[in-house]
Amino acid sequence: MKYLGLIVDHQFRFNEHLTYGAEKGENLIRSLSKAVKVTWGIKYEAIATIYKGAILPPVTYGAPVWIEAMKFEHNRRKYIRLQRLINIRMANTFRTTSSEALCMLTGMTPILIKLEQETAQYKIKQNSGNSEIEWDCDVEIQNWPHPAEVATIHEVERNEETSIQVYTDGSKQEQGVGYGALIIKGSEMIAKLKFKRDNRCSNNQAEQFAILKALEKLEVLSRQSSNPIWATIYTDSRITLDSLQN
């Protein structure tokens, strides 16, 4: 039975749906191959756009529903073969090249990981009201905090002691933009935060995001504690401190 674009069998294994999706994707790739021959070649960027916009969406449609079917090797092979076909054309390489190497050459996320990502994003959106789930999203300007509500910054002396120490860091490298924080109480690590941002973000922005996420976590810990908590945040970015002071 086909319902809302999903082929459902009597045991809800979704084998037929995965076969249908893989065959549909392969037909699109074969049509693309004909176009490549006629136009004397399509550049990598164009093939990547076609893959992301025309091939990937239909084959990943409904992934949160049938992701459990990917536990079986015969189903995983269908989608790995599908991505392999397009990657060979993108990389313009030999057919004997391994699937893992093709993903590295083209910069495409392995399709099995892409399916897991789609499923994880769906679950996060479904549980967006759960305060325990930490994730970044764009915030409308009207929902930004007012500058007058920003707390003042007091730089502590080296000999001052607080109950909680927070170490933050952010960096921008070729692999991307990332930032994180460690929250330590006494000799015990009570939280470890790790995030990734869009490559458009600068190194200084990553440093600031690290402090922001640490403060948000401290706010959660403060609500869970019956007593006020005092924390010192350590950062190696003077630019960040000067920006926050302004």
Protein backbone atom coordinates (compact mmCIF):
# COMPACT_ATOMS: atom_id res chain seq x y z
CA MET A 1 0.00 0.00 0.00
CA LYS A 2 1.23 3.47 -0.87
CA TYR A 3 0.25 6.13 1.65
CA LEU A 4 1.52 9.73 1.73
CA GLY A 5 4.38 8.78 -0.58
CA LEU A 6 5.49 5.78 1.51
CA ILE A 7 5.14 2.19 0.34
CA VAL A 8 4.00 0.20 3.37
CA ASP A 9 4.16 -3.60 3.43
CA HIS A 10 2.13 -5.82 5.74
CA GLN A 11 5.02 -6.15 8.22
CA PHE A 12 6.14 -2.49 8.10
CA ARG A 13 9.65 -3.42 7.00
CA PHE A 14 9.69 -0.80 4.20
CA ASN A 15 11.89 -2.98 1.98
CA GLU A 16 9.74 -2.22 -1.05
CA HIS A 17 9.82 1.50 -0.32
CA LEU A 18 13.62 1.53 -0.14
CA THR A 19 13.86 -0.46 -3.38
CA TYR A 20 11.46 1.96 -5.07
CA GLY A 21 13.38 4.99 -3.79
CA ALA A 22 16.75 3.62 -4.88
CA GLU A 23 15.45 2.72 -8.36
CA LYS A 24 13.86 6.16 -8.75
CA GLY A 25 17.16 7.81 -7.82
CA GLU A 26 19.13 5.60 -10.21
CA ASN A 27 16.76 6.49 -13.07
CA LEU A 28 17.35 10.18 -12.38
CA ILE A 29 21.11 9.61 -12.41
CA ARG A 30 20.91 7.73 -15.72
CA SER A 31 18.94 10.62 -17.21
CA LEU A 32 21.64 12.95 -15.92
CA SER A 33 24.32 10.79 -17.55
CA LYS A 34 22.63 11.23 -20.92
CA ALA A 35 22.69 14.99 -20.43
CA VAL A 36 26.38 14.85 -19.57
CA LYS A 37 27.17 13.20 -22.90
CA VAL A 38 25.03 15.59 -24.93
CA THR A 39 26.41 18.80 -23.41
CA TRP A 40 30.04 17.67 -23.34
CA GLY A 41 30.12 17.45 -19.59
CA ILE A 42 28.55 19.09 -16.57
CA LYS A 43 30.72 20.69 -13.92
CA TYR A 44 30.99 19.28 -10.41
CA GLU A 45 29.05 22.20 -8.90
CA ALA A 46 26.09 21.60 -11.23
CA ILE A 47 25.99 17.85 -10.55
CA ALA A 48 26.20 18.50 -6.79
CA THR A 49 23.28 20.94 -7.03
CA ILE A 50 21.20 18.41 -8.98
CA TYR A 51 22.05 15.69 -6.44
CA LYS A 52 21.13 17.82 -3.42
CA GLY A 53 18.04 19.36 -4.99
CA ALA A 54 16.53 16.64 -7.20
CA ILE A 55 17.89 13.25 -6.12
CA LEU A 56 18.49 13.43 -2.37
CA PRO A 57 15.08 14.83 -1.25
CA PRO A 58 12.89 12.06 -2.74
CA VAL A 59 15.15 9.21 -1.58
CA THR A 60 15.38 10.58 1.98
CA TYR A 61 11.67 11.44 2.18
CA GLY A 62 10.09 10.01 5.31
CA ALA A 63 13.42 8.82 6.73
CA PRO A 64 12.32 9.10 10.40
CA VAL A 65 9.56 6.57 9.62
CA TRP A 66 11.68 3.87 7.94
CA ILE A 67 15.17 4.54 9.36
CA GLU A 68 15.01 1.29 11.37
CA ALA A 69 14.98 -0.62 8.08
CA MET A 70 18.55 0.60 7.50
CA LYS A 71 19.75 -1.81 10.19
CA PHE A 72 19.73 -4.50 7.50
CA GLU A 73 22.71 -4.74 5.14
CA HIS A 74 20.64 -5.43 2.02
CA ASN A 75 18.80 -2.12 2.49
CA ARG A 76 21.98 -0.15 3.19
CA ARG A 77 23.55 -1.48 -0.01
CA LYS A 78 20.69 -0.05 -2.09
CA TYR A 79 21.35 3.50 -0.99
CA ILE A 80 25.15 3.20 -0.93
CA ARG A 81 25.01 2.02 -4.55
CA LEU A 82 22.76 4.97 -5.42
CA GLN A 83 25.16 7.55 -3.97
CA ARG A 84 28.10 5.76 -5.50
CA LEU A 85 26.66 6.22 -8.99
CA ILE A 86 26.36 9.99 -8.63
CA ASN A 87 29.70 10.33 -6.82
CA ILE A 88 31.53 8.61 -9.68
CA ARG A 89 30.12 11.18 -12.10
CA MET A 90 30.89 14.05 -9.73
CA ALA A 91 34.48 12.95 -9.10
CA ASN A 92 34.97 11.76 -12.71
CA THR A 93 37.01 8.84 -11.42
CA PHE A 94 37.37 5.08 -11.91
CA ARG A 95 34.48 2.76 -11.11
CA THR A 96 36.77 0.74 -8.86
CA THR A 97 37.17 3.64 -6.41
CA SER A 98 35.72 2.77 -2.99
CA SER A 99 32.50 4.41 -1.82
CA GLU A 100 34.26 5.95 1.19
CA ALA A 101 36.96 7.50 -1.01
CA LEU A 102 34.33 8.87 -3.40
CA CYS A 103 32.58 10.68 -0.52
CA MET A 104 35.92 12.19 0.47
CA LEU A 105 36.69 13.29 -3.11
CA THR A 106 33.27 14.87 -3.69
CA GLY A 107 32.79 16.26 -0.18
CA MET A 108 29.37 14.64 0.01
CA THR A 109 28.08 13.34 3.36
CA PRO A 110 27.71 9.53 3.23
CA ILE A 111 24.05 8.88 2.59
CA LEU A 112 23.60 6.66 5.66
CA ILE A 113 24.88 9.48 7.87
CA LYS A 114 22.61 11.90 5.99
CA LEU A 115 19.61 9.71 6.85
CA GLU A 116 20.61 9.69 10.51
CA GLN A 117 20.95 13.48 10.38
CA GLU A 118 17.48 13.90 8.86
CA THR A 119 16.02 11.67 11.57
CA ALA A 120 17.85 13.48 14.38
CA GLN A 121 16.71 16.90 13.11
CA TYR A 122 13.11 15.68 12.97
CA LYS A 123 13.24 14.43 16.57
CA ILE A 124 14.81 17.71 17.75
CA LYS A 125 12.06 19.75 16.10
CA GLN A 126 9.39 17.49 17.57
CA ASN A 127 10.91 17.99 21.04
CA SER A 128 11.84 21.66 20.62
CA GLY A 129 9.96 22.46 23.84
CA ASN A 130 12.27 20.21 25.83
CA SER A 131 14.81 22.46 27.58
CA GLU A 132 17.29 19.59 27.95
CA ILE A 133 17.89 19.45 24.19
CA GLU A 134 20.60 21.89 23.11
CA TRP A 135 20.65 23.07 19.52
CA ASP A 136 21.33 26.24 17.56
CA CYS A 137 18.75 27.98 15.42
CA ASP A 138 18.14 31.37 13.83
CA VAL A 139 16.24 33.80 16.07
CA GLU A 140 14.02 36.56 14.71
CA ILE A 141 15.31 40.07 15.44
CA GLN A 142 12.24 40.94 17.53
CA ASN A 143 13.16 38.07 19.87
CA TRP A 144 16.74 39.20 20.47
CA PRO A 145 17.49 40.21 24.09
CA HIS A 146 17.40 43.95 24.77
CA PRO A 147 20.88 45.51 25.29
CA ALA A 148 19.74 47.02 28.60
CA GLU A 149 19.21 43.51 29.98
CA VAL A 150 22.81 42.47 29.36
CA ALA A 151 24.70 41.81 32.59
CA THR A 152 27.80 43.81 33.44
CA ILE A 153 31.18 42.10 33.25
CA HIS A 154 33.58 41.96 36.17
CA GLU A 155 37.09 40.67 35.47
CA VAL A 156 38.31 38.65 38.44
CA GLU A 157 41.80 38.67 39.88
CA ARG A 158 43.90 35.54 39.62
CA ASN A 159 43.61 34.81 43.34
CA GLU A 160 39.81 35.00 43.45
CA GLU A 161 38.06 31.67 43.92
CA THR A 162 34.53 30.72 42.89
CA SER A 163 32.58 27.52 43.28
CA ILE A 164 32.44 26.86 39.52
CA GLN A 165 35.07 27.37 36.84
CA VAL A 166 34.13 27.54 33.16
CA TYR A 167 36.66 27.25 30.34
CA THR A 168 35.52 28.33 26.88
CA ASP A 169 37.14 28.28 23.47
CA GLY A 170 36.23 28.72 19.83
CA SER A 171 38.12 28.45 16.58
CA LYS A 172 37.77 28.63 12.82
CA GLN A 173 39.79 26.20 10.72
CA GLU A 174 39.61 24.57 7.33
CA GLN A 175 37.35 21.86 8.78
CA GLY A 176 34.82 24.47 9.91
CA VAL A 177 33.82 26.64 12.86
CA GLY A 178 33.44 25.07 16.28
CA TYR A 179 33.26 26.08 19.91
CA GLY A 180 32.72 24.54 23.31
CA ALA A 181 32.99 24.87 27.07
CA LEU A 182 33.92 22.85 30.13
CA ILE A 183 32.14 23.49 33.43
CA ILE A 184 34.00 22.27 36.50
CA LYS A 185 32.86 22.28 40.12
CA GLY A 186 35.70 21.52 42.49
CA SER A 187 37.49 18.63 40.84
CA GLU A 188 34.41 17.30 39.04
CA MET A 189 33.45 18.09 35.44
CA ILE A 190 29.71 18.68 35.51
CA ALA A 191 29.16 19.66 31.85
CA LYS A 192 30.94 19.47 28.51
CA LEU A 193 29.47 21.47 25.64
CA LYS A 194 30.40 21.14 21.96
CA PHE A 195 28.82 22.98 19.03
CA LYS A 196 29.44 23.67 15.35
CA ARG A 197 28.53 26.83 13.46
CA ASP A 198 28.19 27.85 9.84
CA ASN A 199 31.49 28.50 8.06
CA ARG A 200 30.48 32.15 7.60
CA CYS A 201 31.09 32.75 11.31
CA SER A 202 34.40 34.26 12.32
CA ASN A 203 36.82 33.03 14.97
CA ASN A 204 35.74 35.85 17.32
CA GLN A 205 32.09 34.94 16.89
CA ALA A 206 32.92 31.35 17.80
CA GLU A 207 34.60 32.58 21.00
CA GLN A 208 31.49 34.61 21.84
CA PHE A 209 29.13 31.74 21.14
CA ALA A 210 31.17 29.56 23.50
CA ILE A 211 30.64 32.05 26.33
CA LEU A 212 26.96 32.40 25.45
CA LYS A 213 26.33 28.65 25.59
CA ALA A 214 28.26 28.40 28.87
CA LEU A 215 26.08 31.14 30.39
CA GLU A 216 22.92 29.42 29.20
CA LYS A 217 24.06 26.17 30.82
CA LEU A 218 24.91 28.01 34.05
CA GLU A 219 21.41 29.46 34.04
CA VAL A 220 19.96 25.94 33.87
CA LEU A 221 22.23 24.79 36.70
CA SER A 222 21.21 27.83 38.74
CA ARG A 223 17.52 26.95 38.42
CA GLN A 224 18.27 23.41 39.56
CA SER A 225 20.18 24.59 42.63
CA SER A 226 18.57 25.79 45.85
CA ASN A 227 21.51 28.13 46.54
CA PRO A 228 22.98 30.86 44.32
CA ILE A 229 25.97 29.71 42.30
CA TRP A 230 29.10 31.75 41.56
CA ALA A 231 31.14 31.00 38.48
CA THR A 232 34.24 32.33 36.78
CA ILE A 233 34.47 32.08 33.00
CA TYR A 234 37.93 31.83 31.47
CA THR A 235 38.52 32.87 27.86
CA ASP A 236 41.70 33.54 25.91
CA SER A 237 40.03 36.10 23.64
CA ARG A 238 40.63 39.71 24.67
CA ILE A 239 38.65 40.88 21.64
CA THR A 240 35.64 38.98 22.91
CA LEU A 241 35.88 40.60 26.35
CA ASP A 242 36.23 44.07 24.84
CA SER A 243 33.24 43.42 22.55
CA LEU A 244 31.07 42.25 25.46
CA GLN A 245 32.04 45.28 27.52
CA ASN A 246 30.83 47.56 24.72
